[in-house]
Amino acid sequence: MNIDLVKLGQKIKFERIKRNLTQENLAELAGLSVHGLSNIETGKTDVRYTNLLQIANAFEIKLCELLNFSL
């Protein structure tokens, strides 16, 4: 399965802002570095499945919701 990294990053940023979280807040909740999260949000880096799960868990949503790109 190929994932559009830019769209995924936009979705993560959208969900983060919707919850009034900073990158620092989300990174801490998801157990990621701020730099790593920034690279994910901008589509500059590939994302590991475990990191996607951590981000979804931080948002308290299912992974399939995070991968739904219809904003």
PDB file of N, CA and C in Angstrom:
ATOM      1  N   MET A   1       0.840  -1.179   0.000  1.00  0.00           N
ATOM      2  CA  MET A   1       0.000   0.000   0.000  1.00  0.00           C
ATOM      3  C   MET A   1       0.884   1.241   0.000  1.00  0.00           C
ATOM      4  N   ASN A   2       0.687   2.104  -0.956  1.00  0.00           N
ATOM      5  CA  ASN A   2       1.426   3.360  -1.017  1.00  0.00           C
ATOM      6  C   ASN A   2       0.601   4.462  -0.373  1.00  0.00           C
ATOM      7  N   ILE A   3       1.226   5.194   0.501  1.00  0.00           N
ATOM      8  CA  ILE A   3       0.559   6.292   1.195  1.00  0.00           C
ATOM      9  C   ILE A   3       1.159   7.600   0.707  1.00  0.00           C
ATOM     10  N   ASP A   4       0.316   8.536   0.372  1.00  0.00           N
ATOM     11  CA  ASP A   4       0.763   9.875  -0.007  1.00  0.00           C
ATOM     12  C   ASP A   4       1.238  10.565   1.273  1.00  0.00           C
ATOM     13  N   LEU A   5       2.548  10.711   1.423  1.00  0.00           N
ATOM     14  CA  LEU A   5       3.114  11.246   2.661  1.00  0.00           C
ATOM     15  C   LEU A   5       2.715  12.688   2.920  1.00  0.00           C
ATOM     16  N   VAL A   6       2.539  13.474   1.870  1.00  0.00           N
ATOM     17  CA  VAL A   6       2.135  14.867   2.046  1.00  0.00           C
ATOM     18  C   VAL A   6       0.707  14.926   2.583  1.00  0.00           C
ATOM     19  N   LYS A   7      -0.193  14.119   1.997  1.00  0.00           N
ATOM     20  CA  LYS A   7      -1.578  14.107   2.477  1.00  0.00           C
ATOM     21  C   LYS A   7      -1.662  13.578   3.901  1.00  0.00           C
ATOM     22  N   LEU A   8      -0.865  12.573   4.207  1.00  0.00           N
ATOM     23  CA  LEU A   8      -0.840  12.037   5.567  1.00  0.00           C
ATOM     24  C   LEU A   8      -0.379  13.111   6.540  1.00  0.00           C
ATOM     25  N   GLY A   9       0.673  13.831   6.177  1.00  0.00           N
ATOM     26  CA  GLY A   9       1.165  14.906   7.033  1.00  0.00           C
ATOM     27  C   GLY A   9       0.139  15.997   7.231  1.00  0.00           C
ATOM     28  N   GLN A  10      -0.585  16.334   6.162  1.00  0.00           N
ATOM     29  CA  GLN A  10      -1.636  17.351   6.264  1.00  0.00           C
ATOM     30  C   GLN A  10      -2.747  16.882   7.189  1.00  0.00           C
ATOM     31  N   LYS A  11      -3.090  15.605   7.117  1.00  0.00           N
ATOM     32  CA  LYS A  11      -4.137  15.045   7.978  1.00  0.00           C
ATOM     33  C   LYS A  11      -3.702  15.090   9.438  1.00  0.00           C
ATOM     34  N   ILE A  12      -2.465  14.729   9.705  1.00  0.00           N
ATOM     35  CA  ILE A  12      -1.957  14.745  11.081  1.00  0.00           C
ATOM     36  C   ILE A  12      -1.957  16.176  11.617  1.00  0.00           C
ATOM     37  N   LYS A  13      -1.503  17.105  10.804  1.00  0.00           N
ATOM     38  CA  LYS A  13      -1.495  18.515  11.224  1.00  0.00           C
ATOM     39  C   LYS A  13      -2.923  19.005  11.467  1.00  0.00           C
ATOM     40  N   PHE A  14      -3.853  18.655  10.581  1.00  0.00           N
ATOM     41  CA  PHE A  14      -5.250  19.033  10.735  1.00  0.00           C
ATOM     42  C   PHE A  14      -5.810  18.522  12.060  1.00  0.00           C
ATOM     43  N   GLU A  15      -5.571  17.241  12.341  1.00  0.00           N
ATOM     44  CA  GLU A  15      -6.063  16.639  13.587  1.00  0.00           C
ATOM     45  C   GLU A  15      -5.412  17.284  14.808  1.00  0.00           C
ATOM     46  N   ARG A  16      -4.126  17.606  14.681  1.00  0.00           N
ATOM     47  CA  ARG A  16      -3.408  18.235  15.800  1.00  0.00           C
ATOM     48  C   ARG A  16      -3.986  19.619  16.095  1.00  0.00           C
ATOM     49  N   ILE A  17      -4.174  20.413  15.071  1.00  0.00           N
ATOM     50  CA  ILE A  17      -4.688  21.774  15.248  1.00  0.00           C
ATOM     51  C   ILE A  17      -6.133  21.739  15.748  1.00  0.00           C
ATOM     52  N   LYS A  18      -6.914  20.788  15.229  1.00  0.00           N
ATOM     53  CA  LYS A  18      -8.307  20.633  15.661  1.00  0.00           C
ATOM     54  C   LYS A  18      -8.383  20.396  17.173  1.00  0.00           C
ATOM     55  N   ARG A  19      -7.358  19.768  17.714  1.00  0.00           N
ATOM     56  CA  ARG A  19      -7.325  19.460  19.144  1.00  0.00           C
ATOM     57  C   ARG A  19      -6.538  20.495  19.961  1.00  0.00           C
ATOM     58  N   ASN A  20      -6.178  21.592  19.309  1.00  0.00           N
ATOM     59  CA  ASN A  20      -5.414  22.665  19.960  1.00  0.00           C
ATOM     60  C   ASN A  20      -4.107  22.165  20.567  1.00  0.00           C
ATOM     61  N   LEU A  21      -3.425  21.286  19.848  1.00  0.00           N
ATOM     62  CA  LEU A  21      -2.137  20.769  20.301  1.00  0.00           C
ATOM     63  C   LEU A  21      -1.013  21.422  19.505  1.00  0.00           C
ATOM     64  N   THR A  22       0.086  21.688  20.162  1.00  0.00           N
ATOM     65  CA  THR A  22       1.290  22.117  19.463  1.00  0.00           C
ATOM     66  C   THR A  22       2.031  20.870  18.993  1.00  0.00           C
ATOM     67  N   GLN A  23       3.019  21.079  18.132  1.00  0.00           N
ATOM     68  CA  GLN A  23       3.848  19.935  17.734  1.00  0.00           C
ATOM     69  C   GLN A  23       4.529  19.339  18.956  1.00  0.00           C
ATOM     70  N   GLU A  24       4.938  20.188  19.871  1.00  0.00           N
ATOM     71  CA  GLU A  24       5.596  19.716  21.087  1.00  0.00           C
ATOM     72  C   GLU A  24       4.649  18.839  21.908  1.00  0.00           C
ATOM     73  N   ASN A  25       3.377  19.289  22.048  1.00  0.00           N
ATOM     74  CA  ASN A  25       2.390  18.503  22.796  1.00  0.00           C
ATOM     75  C   ASN A  25       2.185  17.136  22.170  1.00  0.00           C
ATOM     76  N   LEU A  26       1.940  17.128  20.850  1.00  0.00           N
ATOM     77  CA  LEU A  26       1.668  15.869  20.170  1.00  0.00           C
ATOM     78  C   LEU A  26       2.886  14.954  20.196  1.00  0.00           C
ATOM     79  N   ALA A  27       4.051  15.524  19.976  1.00  0.00           N
ATOM     80  CA  ALA A  27       5.273  14.709  19.999  1.00  0.00           C
ATOM     81  C   ALA A  27       5.420  14.017  21.354  1.00  0.00           C
ATOM     82  N   GLU A  28       5.162  14.744  22.425  1.00  0.00           N
ATOM     83  CA  GLU A  28       5.274  14.166  23.762  1.00  0.00           C
ATOM     84  C   GLU A  28       4.224  13.071  23.964  1.00  0.00           C
ATOM     85  N   LEU A  29       2.993  13.329  23.561  1.00  0.00           N
ATOM     86  CA  LEU A  29       1.923  12.340  23.713  1.00  0.00           C
ATOM     87  C   LEU A  29       2.183  11.079  22.903  1.00  0.00           C
ATOM     88  N   ALA A  30       2.791  11.247  21.728  1.00  0.00           N
ATOM     89  CA  ALA A  30       3.031  10.118  20.831  1.00  0.00           C
ATOM     90  C   ALA A  30       4.398   9.472  21.040  1.00  0.00           C
ATOM     91  N   GLY A  31       5.229  10.054  21.898  1.00  0.00           N
ATOM     92  CA  GLY A  31       6.558   9.489  22.132  1.00  0.00           C
ATOM     93  C   GLY A  31       7.504   9.688  20.966  1.00  0.00           C
ATOM     94  N   LEU A  32       7.346  10.809  20.260  1.00  0.00           N
ATOM     95  CA  LEU A  32       8.199  11.128  19.113  1.00  0.00           C
ATOM     96  C   LEU A  32       8.990  12.396  19.398  1.00  0.00           C
ATOM     97  N   SER A  33      10.020  12.633  18.603  1.00  0.00           N
ATOM     98  CA  SER A  33      10.735  13.896  18.710  1.00  0.00           C
ATOM     99  C   SER A  33       9.953  14.963  17.952  1.00  0.00           C
ATOM    100  N   VAL A  34      10.111  16.206  18.339  1.00  0.00           N
ATOM    101  CA  VAL A  34       9.449  17.308  17.645  1.00  0.00           C
ATOM    102  C   VAL A  34       9.946  17.369  16.203  1.00  0.00           C
ATOM    103  N   HIS A  35      11.230  17.183  16.009  1.00  0.00           N
ATOM    104  CA  HIS A  35      11.810  17.200  14.667  1.00  0.00           C
ATOM    105  C   HIS A  35      11.208  16.086  13.800  1.00  0.00           C
ATOM    106  N   GLY A  36      11.091  14.907  14.369  1.00  0.00           N
ATOM    107  CA  GLY A  36      10.506  13.781  13.643  1.00  0.00           C
ATOM    108  C   GLY A  36       9.057  14.044  13.272  1.00  0.00           C
ATOM    109  N   LEU A  37       8.292  14.584  14.216  1.00  0.00           N
ATOM    110  CA  LEU A  37       6.889  14.902  13.943  1.00  0.00           C
ATOM    111  C   LEU A  37       6.781  15.976  12.868  1.00  0.00           C
ATOM    112  N   SER A  38       7.642  16.977  12.938  1.00  0.00           N
ATOM    113  CA  SER A  38       7.643  18.035  11.929  1.00  0.00           C
ATOM    114  C   SER A  38       7.893  17.453  10.541  1.00  0.00           C
ATOM    115  N   ASN A  39       8.851  16.535  10.445  1.00  0.00           N
ATOM    116  CA  ASN A  39       9.151  15.896   9.160  1.00  0.00           C
ATOM    117  C   ASN A  39       7.973  15.058   8.660  1.00  0.00           C
ATOM    118  N   ILE A  40       7.243  14.432   9.576  1.00  0.00           N
ATOM    119  CA  ILE A  40       6.057  13.661   9.191  1.00  0.00           C
ATOM    120  C   ILE A  40       4.980  14.602   8.676  1.00  0.00           C
ATOM    121  N   GLU A  41       4.750  15.702   9.389  1.00  0.00           N
ATOM    122  CA  GLU A  41       3.706  16.649   8.986  1.00  0.00           C
ATOM    123  C   GLU A  41       3.995  17.310   7.641  1.00  0.00           C
ATOM    124  N   THR A  42       5.244  17.476   7.302  1.00  0.00           N
ATOM    125  CA  THR A  42       5.590  18.103   6.029  1.00  0.00           C
ATOM    126  C   THR A  42       5.798  17.085   4.910  1.00  0.00           C
ATOM    127  N   GLY A  43       5.664  15.801   5.231  1.00  0.00           N
ATOM    128  CA  GLY A  43       5.816  14.758   4.219  1.00  0.00           C
ATOM    129  C   GLY A  43       7.247  14.519   3.802  1.00  0.00           C
ATOM    130  N   LYS A  44       8.195  14.946   4.620  1.00  0.00           N
ATOM    131  CA  LYS A  44       9.614  14.808   4.269  1.00  0.00           C
ATOM    132  C   LYS A  44      10.198  13.445   4.612  1.00  0.00           C
ATOM    133  N   THR A  45       9.475  12.662   5.373  1.00  0.00           N
ATOM    134  CA  THR A  45      10.013  11.383   5.809  1.00  0.00           C
ATOM    135  C   THR A  45       8.943  10.305   5.751  1.00  0.00           C
ATOM    136  N   ASP A  46       9.376   9.103   5.526  1.00  0.00           N
ATOM    137  CA  ASP A  46       8.476   7.955   5.571  1.00  0.00           C
ATOM    138  C   ASP A  46       8.094   7.721   7.036  1.00  0.00           C
ATOM    139  N   VAL A  47       6.934   7.163   7.251  1.00  0.00           N
ATOM    140  CA  VAL A  47       6.434   6.985   8.612  1.00  0.00           C
ATOM    141  C   VAL A  47       6.322   5.503   8.923  1.00  0.00           C
ATOM    142  N   ARG A  48       6.858   5.110  10.055  1.00  0.00           N
ATOM    143  CA  ARG A  48       6.739   3.727  10.480  1.00  0.00           C
ATOM    144  C   ARG A  48       5.322   3.468  10.984  1.00  0.00           C
ATOM    145  N   TYR A  49       4.891   2.242  10.799  1.00  0.00           N
ATOM    146  CA  TYR A  49       3.562   1.819  11.261  1.00  0.00           C
ATOM    147  C   TYR A  49       3.408   2.088  12.757  1.00  0.00           C
ATOM    148  N   THR A  50       4.444   1.780  13.528  1.00  0.00           N
ATOM    149  CA  THR A  50       4.357   1.991  14.980  1.00  0.00           C
ATOM    150  C   THR A  50       4.180   3.475  15.316  1.00  0.00           C
ATOM    151  N   ASN A  51       4.833   4.346  14.551  1.00  0.00           N
ATOM    152  CA  ASN A  51       4.673   5.783  14.795  1.00  0.00           C
ATOM    153  C   ASN A  51       3.260   6.242  14.451  1.00  0.00           C
ATOM    154  N   LEU A  52       2.688   5.693  13.377  1.00  0.00           N
ATOM    155  CA  LEU A  52       1.304   6.021  13.029  1.00  0.00           C
ATOM    156  C   LEU A  52       0.360   5.595  14.144  1.00  0.00           C
ATOM    157  N   LEU A  53       0.597   4.420  14.694  1.00  0.00           N
ATOM    158  CA  LEU A  53      -0.229   3.952  15.809  1.00  0.00           C
ATOM    159  C   LEU A  53      -0.095   4.868  17.024  1.00  0.00           C
ATOM    160  N   GLN A  54       1.111   5.293  17.315  1.00  0.00           N
ATOM    161  CA  GLN A  54       1.337   6.184  18.452  1.00  0.00           C
ATOM    162  C   GLN A  54       0.616   7.518  18.246  1.00  0.00           C
ATOM    163  N   ILE A  55       0.644   8.040  17.037  1.00  0.00           N
ATOM    164  CA  ILE A  55      -0.029   9.302  16.737  1.00  0.00           C
ATOM    165  C   ILE A  55      -1.540   9.121  16.852  1.00  0.00           C
ATOM    166  N   ALA A  56      -2.067   8.041  16.275  1.00  0.00           N
ATOM    167  CA  ALA A  56      -3.509   7.771  16.375  1.00  0.00           C
ATOM    168  C   ALA A  56      -3.919   7.625  17.835  1.00  0.00           C
ATOM    169  N   ASN A  57      -3.124   6.919  18.620  1.00  0.00           N
ATOM    170  CA  ASN A  57      -3.426   6.757  20.046  1.00  0.00           C
ATOM    171  C   ASN A  57      -3.398   8.094  20.773  1.00  0.00           C
ATOM    172  N   ALA A  58      -2.465   8.949  20.415  1.00  0.00           N
ATOM    173  CA  ALA A  58      -2.385  10.274  21.041  1.00  0.00           C
ATOM    174  C   ALA A  58      -3.638  11.092  20.724  1.00  0.00           C
ATOM    175  N   PHE A  59      -4.184  10.902  19.528  1.00  0.00           N
ATOM    176  CA  PHE A  59      -5.419  11.590  19.132  1.00  0.00           C
ATOM    177  C   PHE A  59      -6.664  10.888  19.677  1.00  0.00           C
ATOM    178  N   GLU A  60      -6.468   9.678  20.227  1.00  0.00           N
ATOM    179  CA  GLU A  60      -7.571   8.838  20.709  1.00  0.00           C
ATOM    180  C   GLU A  60      -8.545   8.507  19.582  1.00  0.00           C
ATOM    181  N   ILE A  61      -7.962   8.144  18.419  1.00  0.00           N
ATOM    182  CA  ILE A  61      -8.747   7.698  17.270  1.00  0.00           C
ATOM    183  C   ILE A  61      -8.158   6.401  16.758  1.00  0.00           C
ATOM    184  N   LYS A  62      -8.931   5.709  15.924  1.00  0.00           N
ATOM    185  CA  LYS A  62      -8.437   4.484  15.292  1.00  0.00           C
ATOM    186  C   LYS A  62      -7.505   4.856  14.147  1.00  0.00           C
ATOM    187  N   LEU A  63      -6.586   3.962  13.852  1.00  0.00           N
ATOM    188  CA  LEU A  63      -5.629   4.208  12.777  1.00  0.00           C
ATOM    189  C   LEU A  63      -6.336   4.440  11.443  1.00  0.00           C
ATOM    190  N   CYS A  64      -7.418   3.711  11.191  1.00  0.00           N
ATOM    191  CA  CYS A  64      -8.139   3.886   9.921  1.00  0.00           C
ATOM    192  C   CYS A  64      -8.696   5.303   9.800  1.00  0.00           C
ATOM    193  N   GLU A  65      -9.053   5.940  10.909  1.00  0.00           N
ATOM    194  CA  GLU A  65      -9.525   7.323  10.870  1.00  0.00           C
ATOM    195  C   GLU A  65      -8.381   8.265  10.489  1.00  0.00           C
ATOM    196  N   LEU A  66      -7.202   7.984  10.984  1.00  0.00           N
ATOM    197  CA  LEU A  66      -6.050   8.813  10.667  1.00  0.00           C
ATOM    198  C   LEU A  66      -5.687   8.688   9.190  1.00  0.00           C
ATOM    199  N   LEU A  67      -5.908   7.517   8.624  1.00  0.00           N
ATOM    200  CA  LEU A  67      -5.550   7.298   7.216  1.00  0.00           C
ATOM    201  C   LEU A  67      -6.655   7.708   6.247  1.00  0.00           C
ATOM    202  N   ASN A  68      -7.758   8.230   6.765  1.00  0.00           N
ATOM    203  CA  ASN A  68      -8.833   8.750   5.912  1.00  0.00           C
ATOM    204  C   ASN A  68      -8.487  10.190   5.589  1.00  0.00           C
ATOM    205  N   PHE A  69      -8.139  10.458   4.319  1.00  0.00           N
ATOM    206  CA  PHE A  69      -7.620  11.767   3.930  1.00  0.00           C
ATOM    207  C   PHE A  69      -8.680  12.756   3.492  1.00  0.00           C
ATOM    208  N   SER A  70      -9.949  12.424   3.587  1.00  0.00           N
ATOM    209  CA  SER A  70     -10.962  13.401   3.182  1.00  0.00           C
ATOM    210  C   SER A  70     -11.131  14.416   4.300  1.00  0.00           C
ATOM    211  N   LEU A  71     -10.499  15.549   4.117  1.00  0.00           N
ATOM    212  CA  LEU A  71     -10.525  16.594   5.137  1.00  0.00           C
ATOM    213  C   LEU A  71     -11.777  17.373   4.946  1.00  0.00           C
TER     214      LEU A  71
END
